[in-house]
Amino acid sequence: MSMLGGAIEQARKACRLSRSELARRIGVSRYAVWMWERGLRVPNIQHLKKLIEILPQLRSLPLATLMEEDEHGKR
């Protein structure tokens, strides 16, 4: 699991949201949320903005985390 993925999962659980509910609010499938949480994919910038709106705990996550994971080809 990636740092970003773990942060998404922890923030989602802290807000007492299911993957399905978070996915519905963002406009993606619950499978997409699962892939983000497992570090198999990285959310695009539009989805990341929505994630931060819904899960404010993610605001403290360093931007370098996203850039580092993106350099490894995880999209």
PDB file of N, CA and C in Angstrom:
ATOM      1  N   MET A   1       0.852  -1.182   0.000  1.00  0.00           N
ATOM      2  CA  MET A   1       0.000   0.000   0.000  1.00  0.00           C
ATOM      3  C   MET A   1       0.891   1.236   0.000  1.00  0.00           C
ATOM      4  N   SER A   2       0.510   2.206  -0.801  1.00  0.00           N
ATOM      5  CA  SER A   2       1.279   3.441  -0.889  1.00  0.00           C
ATOM      6  C   SER A   2       0.911   4.387   0.253  1.00  0.00           C
ATOM      7  N   MET A   3       1.730   5.415   0.435  1.00  0.00           N
ATOM      8  CA  MET A   3       1.442   6.419   1.457  1.00  0.00           C
ATOM      9  C   MET A   3       0.114   7.119   1.150  1.00  0.00           C
ATOM     10  N   LEU A   4      -0.082   7.486  -0.112  1.00  0.00           N
ATOM     11  CA  LEU A   4      -1.329   8.133  -0.501  1.00  0.00           C
ATOM     12  C   LEU A   4      -2.508   7.190  -0.311  1.00  0.00           C
ATOM     13  N   GLY A   5      -2.359   5.965  -0.750  1.00  0.00           N
ATOM     14  CA  GLY A   5      -3.436   4.988  -0.621  1.00  0.00           C
ATOM     15  C   GLY A   5      -3.843   4.770   0.822  1.00  0.00           C
ATOM     16  N   GLY A   6      -2.852   4.626   1.693  1.00  0.00           N
ATOM     17  CA  GLY A   6      -3.136   4.447   3.111  1.00  0.00           C
ATOM     18  C   GLY A   6      -3.827   5.661   3.700  1.00  0.00           C
ATOM     19  N   ALA A   7      -3.412   6.841   3.259  1.00  0.00           N
ATOM     20  CA  ALA A   7      -4.024   8.079   3.760  1.00  0.00           C
ATOM     21  C   ALA A   7      -5.478   8.191   3.308  1.00  0.00           C
ATOM     22  N   ILE A   8      -5.753   7.807   2.064  1.00  0.00           N
ATOM     23  CA  ILE A   8      -7.131   7.843   1.571  1.00  0.00           C
ATOM     24  C   ILE A   8      -7.999   6.886   2.380  1.00  0.00           C
ATOM     25  N   GLU A   9      -7.499   5.682   2.587  1.00  0.00           N
ATOM     26  CA  GLU A   9      -8.276   4.691   3.335  1.00  0.00           C
ATOM     27  C   GLU A   9      -8.529   5.145   4.772  1.00  0.00           C
ATOM     28  N   GLN A  10      -7.497   5.638   5.441  1.00  0.00           N
ATOM     29  CA  GLN A  10      -7.659   6.096   6.824  1.00  0.00           C
ATOM     30  C   GLN A  10      -8.639   7.264   6.913  1.00  0.00           C
ATOM     31  N   ALA A  11      -8.529   8.213   6.002  1.00  0.00           N
ATOM     32  CA  ALA A  11      -9.416   9.378   6.012  1.00  0.00           C
ATOM     33  C   ALA A  11     -10.858   8.960   5.720  1.00  0.00           C
ATOM     34  N   ARG A  12     -11.024   8.044   4.789  1.00  0.00           N
ATOM     35  CA  ARG A  12     -12.364   7.555   4.463  1.00  0.00           C
ATOM     36  C   ARG A  12     -13.014   6.894   5.676  1.00  0.00           C
ATOM     37  N   LYS A  13     -12.248   6.056   6.344  1.00  0.00           N
ATOM     38  CA  LYS A  13     -12.768   5.369   7.528  1.00  0.00           C
ATOM     39  C   LYS A  13     -13.043   6.347   8.666  1.00  0.00           C
ATOM     40  N   ALA A  14     -12.191   7.352   8.825  1.00  0.00           N
ATOM     41  CA  ALA A  14     -12.397   8.357   9.875  1.00  0.00           C
ATOM     42  C   ALA A  14     -13.691   9.136   9.640  1.00  0.00           C
ATOM     43  N   CYS A  15     -14.059   9.316   8.372  1.00  0.00           N
ATOM     44  CA  CYS A  15     -15.305   9.999   8.030  1.00  0.00           C
ATOM     45  C   CYS A  15     -16.490   9.034   7.971  1.00  0.00           C
ATOM     46  N   ARG A  16     -16.218   7.783   8.285  1.00  0.00           N
ATOM     47  CA  ARG A  16     -17.257   6.733   8.295  1.00  0.00           C
ATOM     48  C   ARG A  16     -17.973   6.607   6.953  1.00  0.00           C
ATOM     49  N   LEU A  17     -17.169   6.608   5.900  1.00  0.00           N
ATOM     50  CA  LEU A  17     -17.702   6.439   4.550  1.00  0.00           C
ATOM     51  C   LEU A  17     -17.308   5.072   4.006  1.00  0.00           C
ATOM     52  N   SER A  18     -18.205   4.447   3.304  1.00  0.00           N
ATOM     53  CA  SER A  18     -17.862   3.213   2.595  1.00  0.00           C
ATOM     54  C   SER A  18     -17.147   3.595   1.300  1.00  0.00           C
ATOM     55  N   ARG A  19     -16.495   2.638   0.698  1.00  0.00           N
ATOM     56  CA  ARG A  19     -15.871   2.905  -0.606  1.00  0.00           C
ATOM     57  C   ARG A  19     -16.940   3.309  -1.617  1.00  0.00           C
ATOM     58  N   SER A  20     -18.079   2.641  -1.542  1.00  0.00           N
ATOM     59  CA  SER A  20     -19.162   2.950  -2.483  1.00  0.00           C
ATOM     60  C   SER A  20     -19.649   4.383  -2.320  1.00  0.00           C
ATOM     61  N   GLU A  21     -19.818   4.829  -1.091  1.00  0.00           N
ATOM     62  CA  GLU A  21     -20.301   6.191  -0.847  1.00  0.00           C
ATOM     63  C   GLU A  21     -19.261   7.212  -1.301  1.00  0.00           C
ATOM     64  N   LEU A  22     -17.986   6.981  -0.980  1.00  0.00           N
ATOM     65  CA  LEU A  22     -16.941   7.903  -1.421  1.00  0.00           C
ATOM     66  C   LEU A  22     -16.899   7.949  -2.944  1.00  0.00           C
ATOM     67  N   ALA A  23     -16.968   6.789  -3.575  1.00  0.00           N
ATOM     68  CA  ALA A  23     -16.951   6.724  -5.036  1.00  0.00           C
ATOM     69  C   ALA A  23     -18.120   7.499  -5.633  1.00  0.00           C
ATOM     70  N   ARG A  24     -19.304   7.356  -5.049  1.00  0.00           N
ATOM     71  CA  ARG A  24     -20.487   8.057  -5.543  1.00  0.00           C
ATOM     72  C   ARG A  24     -20.286   9.565  -5.463  1.00  0.00           C
ATOM     73  N   ARG A  25     -19.725  10.032  -4.359  1.00  0.00           N
ATOM     74  CA  ARG A  25     -19.522  11.474  -4.176  1.00  0.00           C
ATOM     75  C   ARG A  25     -18.493  12.042  -5.149  1.00  0.00           C
ATOM     76  N   ILE A  26     -17.516  11.220  -5.509  1.00  0.00           N
ATOM     77  CA  ILE A  26     -16.463  11.677  -6.428  1.00  0.00           C
ATOM     78  C   ILE A  26     -16.883  11.508  -7.884  1.00  0.00           C
ATOM     79  N   GLY A  27     -17.704  10.495  -8.140  1.00  0.00           N
ATOM     80  CA  GLY A  27     -18.127  10.216  -9.509  1.00  0.00           C
ATOM     81  C   GLY A  27     -17.277   9.162 -10.188  1.00  0.00           C
ATOM     82  N   VAL A  28     -16.790   8.204  -9.385  1.00  0.00           N
ATOM     83  CA  VAL A  28     -15.996   7.094  -9.914  1.00  0.00           C
ATOM     84  C   VAL A  28     -16.588   5.786  -9.392  1.00  0.00           C
ATOM     85  N   SER A  29     -16.039   4.679  -9.818  1.00  0.00           N
ATOM     86  CA  SER A  29     -16.495   3.377  -9.321  1.00  0.00           C
ATOM     87  C   SER A  29     -15.841   3.083  -7.965  1.00  0.00           C
ATOM     88  N   ARG A  30     -16.460   2.202  -7.207  1.00  0.00           N
ATOM     89  CA  ARG A  30     -15.842   1.818  -5.930  1.00  0.00           C
ATOM     90  C   ARG A  30     -14.542   1.066  -6.191  1.00  0.00           C
ATOM     91  N   TYR A  31     -14.445   0.430  -7.363  1.00  0.00           N
ATOM     92  CA  TYR A  31     -13.212  -0.248  -7.736  1.00  0.00           C
ATOM     93  C   TYR A  31     -12.071   0.757  -7.891  1.00  0.00           C
ATOM     94  N   ALA A  32     -12.357   1.938  -8.437  1.00  0.00           N
ATOM     95  CA  ALA A  32     -11.329   2.981  -8.572  1.00  0.00           C
ATOM     96  C   ALA A  32     -10.824   3.390  -7.190  1.00  0.00           C
ATOM     97  N   VAL A  33     -11.745   3.573  -6.240  1.00  0.00           N
ATOM     98  CA  VAL A  33     -11.345   3.933  -4.874  1.00  0.00           C
ATOM     99  C   VAL A  33     -10.483   2.818  -4.285  1.00  0.00           C
ATOM    100  N   TRP A  34     -10.885   1.584  -4.490  1.00  0.00           N
ATOM    101  CA  TRP A  34     -10.115   0.433  -3.988  1.00  0.00           C
ATOM    102  C   TRP A  34      -8.708   0.447  -4.586  1.00  0.00           C
ATOM    103  N   MET A  35      -8.586   0.733  -5.872  1.00  0.00           N
ATOM    104  CA  MET A  35      -7.266   0.755  -6.526  1.00  0.00           C
ATOM    105  C   MET A  35      -6.400   1.890  -5.979  1.00  0.00           C
ATOM    106  N   TRP A  36      -7.008   3.053  -5.695  1.00  0.00           N
ATOM    107  CA  TRP A  36      -6.257   4.157  -5.088  1.00  0.00           C
ATOM    108  C   TRP A  36      -5.756   3.741  -3.715  1.00  0.00           C
ATOM    109  N   GLU A  37      -6.635   3.140  -2.920  1.00  0.00           N
ATOM    110  CA  GLU A  37      -6.267   2.745  -1.559  1.00  0.00           C
ATOM    111  C   GLU A  37      -5.177   1.681  -1.542  1.00  0.00           C
ATOM    112  N   ARG A  38      -5.125   0.837  -2.534  1.00  0.00           N
ATOM    113  CA  ARG A  38      -4.110  -0.213  -2.620  1.00  0.00           C
ATOM    114  C   ARG A  38      -2.821   0.265  -3.278  1.00  0.00           C
ATOM    115  N   GLY A  39      -2.832   1.489  -3.807  1.00  0.00           N
ATOM    116  CA  GLY A  39      -1.636   2.020  -4.455  1.00  0.00           C
ATOM    117  C   GLY A  39      -1.433   1.507  -5.865  1.00  0.00           C
ATOM    118  N   LEU A  40      -2.486   0.951  -6.459  1.00  0.00           N
ATOM    119  CA  LEU A  40      -2.381   0.431  -7.820  1.00  0.00           C
ATOM    120  C   LEU A  40      -2.619   1.522  -8.860  1.00  0.00           C
ATOM    121  N   ARG A  41      -3.287   2.569  -8.462  1.00  0.00           N
ATOM    122  CA  ARG A  41      -3.540   3.738  -9.300  1.00  0.00           C
ATOM    123  C   ARG A  41      -3.448   4.989  -8.443  1.00  0.00           C
ATOM    124  N   VAL A  42      -3.263   6.123  -9.108  1.00  0.00           N
ATOM    125  CA  VAL A  42      -3.220   7.423  -8.435  1.00  0.00           C
ATOM    126  C   VAL A  42      -4.367   8.255  -8.995  1.00  0.00           C
ATOM    127  N   PRO A  43      -5.144   8.908  -8.138  1.00  0.00           N
ATOM    128  CA  PRO A  43      -6.242   9.732  -8.654  1.00  0.00           C
ATOM    129  C   PRO A  43      -5.725  10.904  -9.481  1.00  0.00           C
ATOM    130  N   ASN A  44      -6.488  11.258 -10.532  1.00  0.00           N
ATOM    131  CA  ASN A  44      -6.087  12.424 -11.319  1.00  0.00           C
ATOM    132  C   ASN A  44      -6.366  13.686 -10.502  1.00  0.00           C
ATOM    133  N   ILE A  45      -5.967  14.823 -11.024  1.00  0.00           N
ATOM    134  CA  ILE A  45      -6.047  16.065 -10.253  1.00  0.00           C
ATOM    135  C   ILE A  45      -7.488  16.442  -9.912  1.00  0.00           C
ATOM    136  N   GLN A  46      -8.428  16.200 -10.822  1.00  0.00           N
ATOM    137  CA  GLN A  46      -9.830  16.516 -10.534  1.00  0.00           C
ATOM    138  C   GLN A  46     -10.364  15.638  -9.406  1.00  0.00           C
ATOM    139  N   HIS A  47     -10.029  14.366  -9.448  1.00  0.00           N
ATOM    140  CA  HIS A  47     -10.481  13.458  -8.396  1.00  0.00           C
ATOM    141  C   HIS A  47      -9.777  13.758  -7.076  1.00  0.00           C
ATOM    142  N   LEU A  48      -8.528  14.153  -7.151  1.00  0.00           N
ATOM    143  CA  LEU A  48      -7.799  14.510  -5.933  1.00  0.00           C
ATOM    144  C   LEU A  48      -8.430  15.729  -5.263  1.00  0.00           C
ATOM    145  N   LYS A  49      -8.830  16.714  -6.060  1.00  0.00           N
ATOM    146  CA  LYS A  49      -9.502  17.892  -5.500  1.00  0.00           C
ATOM    147  C   LYS A  49     -10.788  17.493  -4.786  1.00  0.00           C
ATOM    148  N   LYS A  50     -11.562  16.603  -5.400  1.00  0.00           N
ATOM    149  CA  LYS A  50     -12.795  16.139  -4.773  1.00  0.00           C
ATOM    150  C   LYS A  50     -12.506  15.345  -3.506  1.00  0.00           C
ATOM    151  N   LEU A  51     -11.462  14.528  -3.549  1.00  0.00           N
ATOM    152  CA  LEU A  51     -11.079  13.764  -2.355  1.00  0.00           C
ATOM    153  C   LEU A  51     -10.765  14.698  -1.190  1.00  0.00           C
ATOM    154  N   ILE A  52     -10.031  15.767  -1.478  1.00  0.00           N
ATOM    155  CA  ILE A  52      -9.649  16.713  -0.426  1.00  0.00           C
ATOM    156  C   ILE A  52     -10.873  17.466   0.101  1.00  0.00           C
ATOM    157  N   GLU A  53     -11.832  17.752  -0.759  1.00  0.00           N
ATOM    158  CA  GLU A  53     -13.069  18.399  -0.299  1.00  0.00           C
ATOM    159  C   GLU A  53     -13.850  17.483   0.642  1.00  0.00           C
ATOM    160  N   ILE A  54     -13.909  16.208   0.292  1.00  0.00           N
ATOM    161  CA  ILE A  54     -14.696  15.242   1.067  1.00  0.00           C
ATOM    162  C   ILE A  54     -13.933  14.752   2.290  1.00  0.00           C
ATOM    163  N   LEU A  55     -12.619  14.584   2.143  1.00  0.00           N
ATOM    164  CA  LEU A  55     -11.766  14.055   3.211  1.00  0.00           C
ATOM    165  C   LEU A  55     -10.703  15.095   3.573  1.00  0.00           C
ATOM    166  N   PRO A  56     -11.053  16.093   4.367  1.00  0.00           N
ATOM    167  CA  PRO A  56     -10.126  17.199   4.649  1.00  0.00           C
ATOM    168  C   PRO A  56      -8.812  16.755   5.310  1.00  0.00           C
ATOM    169  N   GLN A  57      -8.762  15.582   5.885  1.00  0.00           N
ATOM    170  CA  GLN A  57      -7.519  15.091   6.496  1.00  0.00           C
ATOM    171  C   GLN A  57      -6.400  14.972   5.460  1.00  0.00           C
ATOM    172  N   LEU A  58      -6.773  14.839   4.193  1.00  0.00           N
ATOM    173  CA  LEU A  58      -5.769  14.686   3.137  1.00  0.00           C
ATOM    174  C   LEU A  58      -5.019  15.980   2.842  1.00  0.00           C
ATOM    175  N   ARG A  59      -5.504  17.103   3.336  1.00  0.00           N
ATOM    176  CA  ARG A  59      -4.832  18.390   3.086  1.00  0.00           C
ATOM    177  C   ARG A  59      -3.409  18.404   3.642  1.00  0.00           C
ATOM    178  N   SER A  60      -3.156  17.627   4.667  1.00  0.00           N
ATOM    179  CA  SER A  60      -1.831  17.623   5.281  1.00  0.00           C
ATOM    180  C   SER A  60      -0.853  16.697   4.558  1.00  0.00           C
ATOM    181  N   LEU A  61      -1.307  15.973   3.560  1.00  0.00           N
ATOM    182  CA  LEU A  61      -0.447  15.053   2.820  1.00  0.00           C
ATOM    183  C   LEU A  61       0.493  15.841   1.908  1.00  0.00           C
ATOM    184  N   PRO A  62       1.789  15.590   1.979  1.00  0.00           N
ATOM    185  CA  PRO A  62       2.742  16.336   1.140  1.00  0.00           C
ATOM    186  C   PRO A  62       2.519  16.074  -0.347  1.00  0.00           C
ATOM    187  N   LEU A  63       2.575  17.121  -1.141  1.00  0.00           N
ATOM    188  CA  LEU A  63       2.419  17.003  -2.582  1.00  0.00           C
ATOM    189  C   LEU A  63       3.498  16.091  -3.169  1.00  0.00           C
ATOM    190  N   ALA A  64       4.646  16.059  -2.568  1.00  0.00           N
ATOM    191  CA  ALA A  64       5.741  15.207  -3.053  1.00  0.00           C
ATOM    192  C   ALA A  64       5.322  13.746  -3.101  1.00  0.00           C
ATOM    193  N   THR A  65       4.418  13.346  -2.230  1.00  0.00           N
ATOM    194  CA  THR A  65       3.926  11.969  -2.219  1.00  0.00           C
ATOM    195  C   THR A  65       3.266  11.637  -3.547  1.00  0.00           C
ATOM    196  N   LEU A  66       2.467  12.549  -4.051  1.00  0.00           N
ATOM    197  CA  LEU A  66       1.789  12.317  -5.322  1.00  0.00           C
ATOM    198  C   LEU A  66       2.779  12.273  -6.470  1.00  0.00           C
ATOM    199  N   MET A  67       3.714  13.199  -6.476  1.00  0.00           N
ATOM    200  CA  MET A  67       4.695  13.273  -7.552  1.00  0.00           C
ATOM    201  C   MET A  67       5.577  12.033  -7.560  1.00  0.00           C
ATOM    202  N   GLU A  68       5.967  11.573  -6.404  1.00  0.00           N
ATOM    203  CA  GLU A  68       6.827  10.402  -6.289  1.00  0.00           C
ATOM    204  C   GLU A  68       6.129   9.172  -6.841  1.00  0.00           C
ATOM    205  N   GLU A  69       4.869   8.977  -6.487  1.00  0.00           N
ATOM    206  CA  GLU A  69       4.136   7.812  -6.960  1.00  0.00           C
ATOM    207  C   GLU A  69       3.871   7.917  -8.446  1.00  0.00           C
ATOM    208  N   ASP A  70       3.614   9.115  -8.952  1.00  0.00           N
ATOM    209  CA  ASP A  70       3.350   9.297 -10.366  1.00  0.00           C
ATOM    210  C   ASP A  70       4.585   8.972 -11.195  1.00  0.00           C
ATOM    211  N   GLU A  71       5.777   9.276 -10.693  1.00  0.00           N
ATOM    212  CA  GLU A  71       7.020   8.992 -11.406  1.00  0.00           C
ATOM    213  C   GLU A  71       7.222   7.499 -11.602  1.00  0.00           C
ATOM    214  N   HIS A  72       6.608   6.684 -10.758  1.00  0.00           N
ATOM    215  CA  HIS A  72       6.748   5.232 -10.859  1.00  0.00           C
ATOM    216  C   HIS A  72       5.713   4.642 -11.815  1.00  0.00           C
ATOM    217  N   GLY A  73       4.974   5.509 -12.499  1.00  0.00           N
ATOM    218  CA  GLY A  73       4.041   5.049 -13.508  1.00  0.00           C
ATOM    219  C   GLY A  73       2.695   4.594 -12.990  1.00  0.00           C
ATOM    220  N   LYS A  74       2.372   4.867 -11.763  1.00  0.00           N
ATOM    221  CA  LYS A  74       1.080   4.445 -11.221  1.00  0.00           C
ATOM    222  C   LYS A  74       0.051   5.525 -11.525  1.00  0.00           C
ATOM    223  N   ARG A  75      -0.826   5.244 -12.426  1.00  0.00           N
ATOM    224  CA  ARG A  75      -1.891   6.188 -12.805  1.00  0.00           C
ATOM    225  C   ARG A  75      -3.197   5.476 -12.849  1.00  0.00           C
TER     226      ARG A  75
END
